[in-house]
PDB file of all heavy atoms in Angstrom:
ATOM      1  N   GLY A   1       0.782  -1.219   0.019  1.00  0.00           N
ATOM      2  CA  GLY A   1      -0.009  -0.007   0.004  1.00  0.00           C
ATOM      3  C   GLY A   1       0.805   1.279   0.004  1.00  0.00           C
ATOM      4  O   GLY A   1       0.256   2.344  -0.175  1.00  0.00           O
ATOM      5  N   TYR A   2       2.117   1.194   0.184  1.00  0.00           N
ATOM      6  CA  TYR A   2       2.952   2.383   0.162  1.00  0.00           C
ATOM      7  C   TYR A   2       3.211   2.773  -1.292  1.00  0.00           C
ATOM      8  O   TYR A   2       3.591   1.939  -2.106  1.00  0.00           O
ATOM      9  CB  TYR A   2       4.287   2.137   0.849  1.00  0.00           C
ATOM     10  CG  TYR A   2       4.147   1.929   2.346  1.00  0.00           C
ATOM     11  CD1 TYR A   2       3.993   0.663   2.877  1.00  0.00           C
ATOM     12  CD2 TYR A   2       4.174   3.021   3.191  1.00  0.00           C
ATOM     13  CE1 TYR A   2       3.848   0.493   4.229  1.00  0.00           C
ATOM     14  CE2 TYR A   2       4.030   2.847   4.559  1.00  0.00           C
ATOM     15  CZ  TYR A   2       3.866   1.566   5.080  1.00  0.00           C
ATOM     16  OH  TYR A   2       3.722   1.389   6.435  1.00  0.00           O
ATOM     17  N   GLY A   3       2.980   4.049  -1.553  1.00  0.00           N
ATOM     18  CA  GLY A   3       3.228   4.524  -2.913  1.00  0.00           C
ATOM     19  C   GLY A   3       2.033   4.413  -3.819  1.00  0.00           C
ATOM     20  O   GLY A   3       2.026   4.922  -4.930  1.00  0.00           O
ATOM     21  N   SER A   4       0.977   3.769  -3.376  1.00  0.00           N
ATOM     22  CA  SER A   4      -0.257   3.673  -4.139  1.00  0.00           C
ATOM     23  C   SER A   4      -1.154   4.810  -3.707  1.00  0.00           C
ATOM     24  O   SER A   4      -0.790   5.656  -2.923  1.00  0.00           O
ATOM     25  CB  SER A   4      -0.939   2.330  -3.908  1.00  0.00           C
ATOM     26  OG  SER A   4      -1.321   2.223  -2.551  1.00  0.00           O
ATOM     27  N   ASP A   5      -2.390   4.821  -4.192  1.00  0.00           N
ATOM     28  CA  ASP A   5      -3.293   5.904  -3.830  1.00  0.00           C
ATOM     29  C   ASP A   5      -3.576   5.928  -2.329  1.00  0.00           C
ATOM     30  O   ASP A   5      -3.922   6.946  -1.769  1.00  0.00           O
ATOM     31  CB  ASP A   5      -4.614   5.741  -4.582  1.00  0.00           C
ATOM     32  CG  ASP A   5      -4.450   5.986  -6.083  1.00  0.00           C
ATOM     33  OD1 ASP A   5      -3.455   6.621  -6.440  1.00  0.00           O
ATOM     34  OD2 ASP A   5      -5.296   5.510  -6.856  1.00  0.00           O
ATOM     35  N   SER A   6      -3.422   4.759  -1.697  1.00  0.00           N
ATOM     36  CA  SER A   6      -3.685   4.678  -0.248  1.00  0.00           C
ATOM     37  C   SER A   6      -2.397   4.689   0.542  1.00  0.00           C
ATOM     38  O   SER A   6      -2.329   4.161   1.626  1.00  0.00           O
ATOM     39  CB  SER A   6      -4.469   3.406   0.070  1.00  0.00           C
ATOM     40  OG  SER A   6      -3.704   2.262  -0.325  1.00  0.00           O
ATOM     41  N   SER A   7      -1.385   5.335  -0.037  1.00  0.00           N
ATOM     42  CA  SER A   7      -0.035   5.144   0.481  1.00  0.00           C
ATOM     43  C   SER A   7       0.280   5.911   1.724  1.00  0.00           C
ATOM     44  O   SER A   7      -0.548   6.207   2.547  1.00  0.00           O
ATOM     45  CB  SER A   7       0.987   5.444  -0.599  1.00  0.00           C
ATOM     46  OG  SER A   7       1.112   6.842  -0.757  1.00  0.00           O
ATOM     47  N   ALA A   8       1.555   6.283   1.797  1.00  0.00           N
ATOM     48  CA  ALA A   8       2.165   6.583   3.082  1.00  0.00           C
ATOM     49  C   ALA A   8       1.818   7.908   3.694  1.00  0.00           C
ATOM     50  O   ALA A   8       2.280   8.214   4.782  1.00  0.00           O
ATOM     51  CB  ALA A   8       3.678   6.507   2.903  1.00  0.00           C
ATOM     52  N   SER A   9       1.034   8.755   3.054  1.00  0.00           N
ATOM     53  CA  SER A   9       0.835  10.098   3.574  1.00  0.00           C
ATOM     54  C   SER A   9       0.307  10.116   5.002  1.00  0.00           C
ATOM     55  O   SER A   9       0.679  10.948   5.794  1.00  0.00           O
ATOM     56  CB  SER A   9      -0.128  10.874   2.684  1.00  0.00           C
ATOM     57  OG  SER A   9      -1.379  10.204   2.601  1.00  0.00           O
ATOM     58  N   GLY A  10      -0.537   9.160   5.330  1.00  0.00           N
ATOM     59  CA  GLY A  10      -1.086   9.151   6.692  1.00  0.00           C
ATOM     60  C   GLY A  10      -0.542   8.019   7.533  1.00  0.00           C
ATOM     61  O   GLY A  10      -1.136   7.692   8.551  1.00  0.00           O
ATOM     62  N   ARG A  11       0.622   7.468   7.161  1.00  0.00           N
ATOM     63  CA  ARG A  11       1.105   6.277   7.870  1.00  0.00           C
ATOM     64  C   ARG A  11       2.454   6.517   8.520  1.00  0.00           C
ATOM     65  O   ARG A  11       3.218   5.604   8.711  1.00  0.00           O
ATOM     66  CB  ARG A  11       1.183   5.137   6.862  1.00  0.00           C
ATOM     67  CG  ARG A  11      -0.099   4.908   6.127  1.00  0.00           C
ATOM     68  CD  ARG A  11      -0.005   3.783   5.136  1.00  0.00           C
ATOM     69  NE  ARG A  11       0.094   2.500   5.808  1.00  0.00           N
ATOM     70  CZ  ARG A  11      -0.094   1.366   5.189  1.00  0.00           C
ATOM     71  NH1 ARG A  11      -0.408   1.326   3.925  1.00  0.00           N
ATOM     72  NH2 ARG A  11       0.031   0.229   5.864  1.00  0.00           N
ATOM     73  N   LYS A  12       2.736   7.745   8.843  1.00  0.00           N
ATOM     74  CA  LYS A  12       4.005   8.085   9.425  1.00  0.00           C
ATOM     75  C   LYS A  12       4.200   7.405  10.782  1.00  0.00           C
ATOM     76  O   LYS A  12       3.327   7.355  11.583  1.00  0.00           O
ATOM     77  CB  LYS A  12       4.097   9.608   9.580  1.00  0.00           C
ATOM     78  CG  LYS A  12       5.503  10.131   9.883  1.00  0.00           C
ATOM     79  CD  LYS A  12       5.482  11.640   9.785  1.00  0.00           C
ATOM     80  CE  LYS A  12       6.878  12.228  10.020  1.00  0.00           C
ATOM     81  NZ  LYS A  12       6.878  13.675   9.869  1.00  0.00           N
ATOM     82  N   ASN A  13       5.442   6.867  10.947  1.00  0.00           N
ATOM     83  CA  ASN A  13       5.828   6.236  12.230  1.00  0.00           C
ATOM     84  C   ASN A  13       4.982   5.008  12.535  1.00  0.00           C
ATOM     85  O   ASN A  13       4.798   4.661  13.718  1.00  0.00           O
ATOM     86  CB  ASN A  13       5.755   7.226  13.391  1.00  0.00           C
ATOM     87  CG  ASN A  13       6.845   8.242  13.291  1.00  0.00           C
ATOM     88  OD1 ASN A  13       7.930   7.959  12.803  1.00  0.00           O
ATOM     89  ND2 ASN A  13       6.549   9.461  13.757  1.00  0.00           N
ATOM     90  N   GLU A  14       4.466   4.324  11.535  1.00  0.00           N
ATOM     91  CA  GLU A  14       3.722   3.089  11.814  1.00  0.00           C
ATOM     92  C   GLU A  14       4.734   1.968  12.055  1.00  0.00           C
ATOM     93  O   GLU A  14       5.831   1.974  11.604  1.00  0.00           O
ATOM     94  CB  GLU A  14       2.833   2.720  10.618  1.00  0.00           C
ATOM     95  CG  GLU A  14       1.624   3.676  10.478  1.00  0.00           C
ATOM     96  CD  GLU A  14       0.727   3.238   9.370  1.00  0.00           C
ATOM     97  OE1 GLU A  14       0.969   2.165   8.816  1.00  0.00           O
ATOM     98  OE2 GLU A  14      -0.207   3.970   9.070  1.00  0.00           O
ATOM     99  N   SER A  15       4.256   0.929  12.734  1.00  0.00           N
ATOM    100  CA  SER A  15       5.109  -0.205  12.977  1.00  0.00           C
ATOM    101  C   SER A  15       5.000  -1.264  11.886  1.00  0.00           C
ATOM    102  O   SER A  15       5.918  -2.043  11.692  1.00  0.00           O
ATOM    103  CB  SER A  15       4.774  -0.840  14.336  1.00  0.00           C
ATOM    104  OG  SER A  15       3.438  -1.247  14.335  1.00  0.00           O
ATOM    105  N   ALA A  16       3.888  -1.314  11.203  1.00  0.00           N
ATOM    106  CA  ALA A  16       3.730  -2.302  10.142  1.00  0.00           C
ATOM    107  C   ALA A  16       4.542  -1.905   8.951  1.00  0.00           C
ATOM    108  O   ALA A  16       4.686  -0.741   8.630  1.00  0.00           O
ATOM    109  CB  ALA A  16       2.271  -2.463   9.751  1.00  0.00           C
ATOM    110  N   ALA A  17       5.083  -2.902   8.248  1.00  0.00           N
ATOM    111  CA  ALA A  17       5.960  -2.605   7.117  1.00  0.00           C
ATOM    112  C   ALA A  17       5.881  -3.733   6.117  1.00  0.00           C
ATOM    113  O   ALA A  17       5.364  -4.791   6.380  1.00  0.00           O
ATOM    114  CB  ALA A  17       7.387  -2.433   7.604  1.00  0.00           C
ATOM    115  N   PRO A  18       6.435  -3.516   4.913  1.00  0.00           N
ATOM    116  CA  PRO A  18       6.392  -4.544   3.915  1.00  0.00           C
ATOM    117  C   PRO A  18       7.172  -5.778   4.321  1.00  0.00           C
ATOM    118  O   PRO A  18       8.211  -5.689   4.909  1.00  0.00           O
ATOM    119  CB  PRO A  18       7.027  -3.886   2.694  1.00  0.00           C
ATOM    120  CG  PRO A  18       6.986  -2.417   2.954  1.00  0.00           C
ATOM    121  CD  PRO A  18       7.019  -2.268   4.427  1.00  0.00           C
ATOM    122  N   SER A  19       6.645  -6.929   3.974  1.00  0.00           N
ATOM    123  CA  SER A  19       7.408  -8.169   4.153  1.00  0.00           C
ATOM    124  C   SER A  19       7.973  -8.541   2.786  1.00  0.00           C
ATOM    125  O   SER A  19       7.260  -8.630   1.817  1.00  0.00           O
ATOM    126  CB  SER A  19       6.490  -9.291   4.630  1.00  0.00           C
ATOM    127  OG  SER A  19       7.194 -10.473   4.741  1.00  0.00           O
ATOM    128  N   SER A  20       9.253  -8.734   2.729  1.00  0.00           N
ATOM    129  CA  SER A  20       9.930  -8.742   1.448  1.00  0.00           C
ATOM    130  C   SER A  20       9.837 -10.064   0.722  1.00  0.00           C
ATOM    131  O   SER A  20      10.004 -11.122   1.302  1.00  0.00           O
ATOM    132  CB  SER A  20      11.383  -8.387   1.622  1.00  0.00           C
ATOM    133  OG  SER A  20      12.060  -8.495   0.411  1.00  0.00           O
ATOM    134  N   GLY A  21       9.634  -9.978  -0.605  1.00  0.00           N
ATOM    135  CA  GLY A  21       9.831 -11.134  -1.427  1.00  0.00           C
ATOM    136  C   GLY A  21      11.066 -10.941  -2.260  1.00  0.00           C
ATOM    137  O   GLY A  21      11.394 -11.759  -3.109  1.00  0.00           O
ATOM    138  N   ALA A  22      11.760  -9.804  -2.078  1.00  0.00           N
ATOM    139  CA  ALA A  22      12.951  -9.515  -2.836  1.00  0.00           C
ATOM    140  C   ALA A  22      14.159  -9.564  -1.905  1.00  0.00           C
ATOM    141  O   ALA A  22      14.081  -9.176  -0.769  1.00  0.00           O
ATOM    142  CB  ALA A  22      12.837  -8.102  -3.442  1.00  0.00           C
ATOM    143  N   ILE A  23      15.258 -10.018  -2.450  1.00  0.00           N
ATOM    144  CA  ILE A  23      16.453 -10.205  -1.627  1.00  0.00           C
ATOM    145  C   ILE A  23      16.997  -8.871  -1.130  1.00  0.00           C
ATOM    146  O   ILE A  23      17.494  -8.766  -0.060  1.00  0.00           O
ATOM    147  CB  ILE A  23      17.523 -10.960  -2.414  1.00  0.00           C
ATOM    148  CG1 ILE A  23      17.001 -12.375  -2.750  1.00  0.00           C
ATOM    149  CG2 ILE A  23      18.802 -11.071  -1.637  1.00  0.00           C
ATOM    150  CD1 ILE A  23      16.526 -13.149  -1.581  1.00  0.00           C
ATOM    151  N   GLN A  24      16.822  -7.826  -1.937  1.00  0.00           N
ATOM    152  CA  GLN A  24      17.416  -6.558  -1.562  1.00  0.00           C
ATOM    153  C   GLN A  24      16.652  -5.853  -0.433  1.00  0.00           C
ATOM    154  O   GLN A  24      17.197  -4.967   0.216  1.00  0.00           O
ATOM    155  CB  GLN A  24      17.457  -5.620  -2.782  1.00  0.00           C
ATOM    156  CG  GLN A  24      18.382  -6.099  -3.896  1.00  0.00           C
ATOM    157  CD  GLN A  24      19.836  -6.055  -3.486  1.00  0.00           C
ATOM    158  OE1 GLN A  24      20.230  -5.292  -2.614  1.00  0.00           O
ATOM    159  NE2 GLN A  24      20.639  -6.908  -4.099  1.00  0.00           N
ATOM    160  N   LEU A  25      15.425  -6.205  -0.252  1.00  0.00           N
ATOM    161  CA  LEU A  25      14.592  -5.507   0.726  1.00  0.00           C
ATOM    162  C   LEU A  25      14.288  -6.446   1.880  1.00  0.00           C
ATOM    163  O   LEU A  25      13.451  -7.308   1.775  1.00  0.00           O
ATOM    164  CB  LEU A  25      13.296  -5.020   0.091  1.00  0.00           C
ATOM    165  CG  LEU A  25      12.418  -4.137   0.949  1.00  0.00           C
ATOM    166  CD1 LEU A  25      13.141  -2.872   1.357  1.00  0.00           C
ATOM    167  CD2 LEU A  25      11.129  -3.789   0.232  1.00  0.00           C
ATOM    168  N   LEU A  26      14.951  -6.231   2.986  1.00  0.00           N
ATOM    169  CA  LEU A  26      14.764  -7.141   4.125  1.00  0.00           C
ATOM    170  C   LEU A  26      14.527  -6.291   5.387  1.00  0.00           C
ATOM    171  O   LEU A  26      15.435  -5.857   6.039  1.00  0.00           O
ATOM    172  CB  LEU A  26      15.995  -8.014   4.320  1.00  0.00           C
ATOM    173  CG  LEU A  26      16.225  -9.066   3.231  1.00  0.00           C
ATOM    174  CD1 LEU A  26      17.571  -9.720   3.398  1.00  0.00           C
ATOM    175  CD2 LEU A  26      15.127 -10.101   3.236  1.00  0.00           C
ATOM    176  N   PHE A  27      13.259  -6.076   5.683  1.00  0.00           N
ATOM    177  CA  PHE A  27      12.923  -5.266   6.849  1.00  0.00           C
ATOM    178  C   PHE A  27      12.793  -6.183   8.075  1.00  0.00           C
ATOM    179  O   PHE A  27      12.486  -7.357   7.982  1.00  0.00           O
ATOM    180  CB  PHE A  27      11.561  -4.578   6.657  1.00  0.00           C
ATOM    181  CG  PHE A  27      11.563  -3.527   5.605  1.00  0.00           C
ATOM    182  CD1 PHE A  27      11.085  -3.796   4.361  1.00  0.00           C
ATOM    183  CD2 PHE A  27      12.032  -2.254   5.873  1.00  0.00           C
ATOM    184  CE1 PHE A  27      11.060  -2.823   3.374  1.00  0.00           C
ATOM    185  CE2 PHE A  27      12.020  -1.277   4.916  1.00  0.00           C
ATOM    186  CZ  PHE A  27      11.540  -1.549   3.673  1.00  0.00           C
ATOM    187  N   ILE A  28      13.003  -5.548   9.238  1.00  0.00           N
ATOM    188  CA  ILE A  28      12.758  -6.239  10.511  1.00  0.00           C
ATOM    189  C   ILE A  28      11.861  -5.389  11.336  1.00  0.00           C
ATOM    190  O   ILE A  28      12.081  -4.221  11.491  1.00  0.00           O
ATOM    191  CB  ILE A  28      14.053  -6.511  11.259  1.00  0.00           C
ATOM    192  CG1 ILE A  28      14.603  -7.824  10.804  1.00  0.00           C
ATOM    193  CG2 ILE A  28      13.862  -6.516  12.749  1.00  0.00           C
ATOM    194  CD1 ILE A  28      15.665  -8.377  11.684  1.00  0.00           C
TER     195      ILE A  28
END
């Protein structure tokens, strides 16, 4: 949902984040 029409404008400092399917993006 980040970067889409429902994206990050109102989601500052949230704890939920993308779970990666790509090797380069590995959030914890």
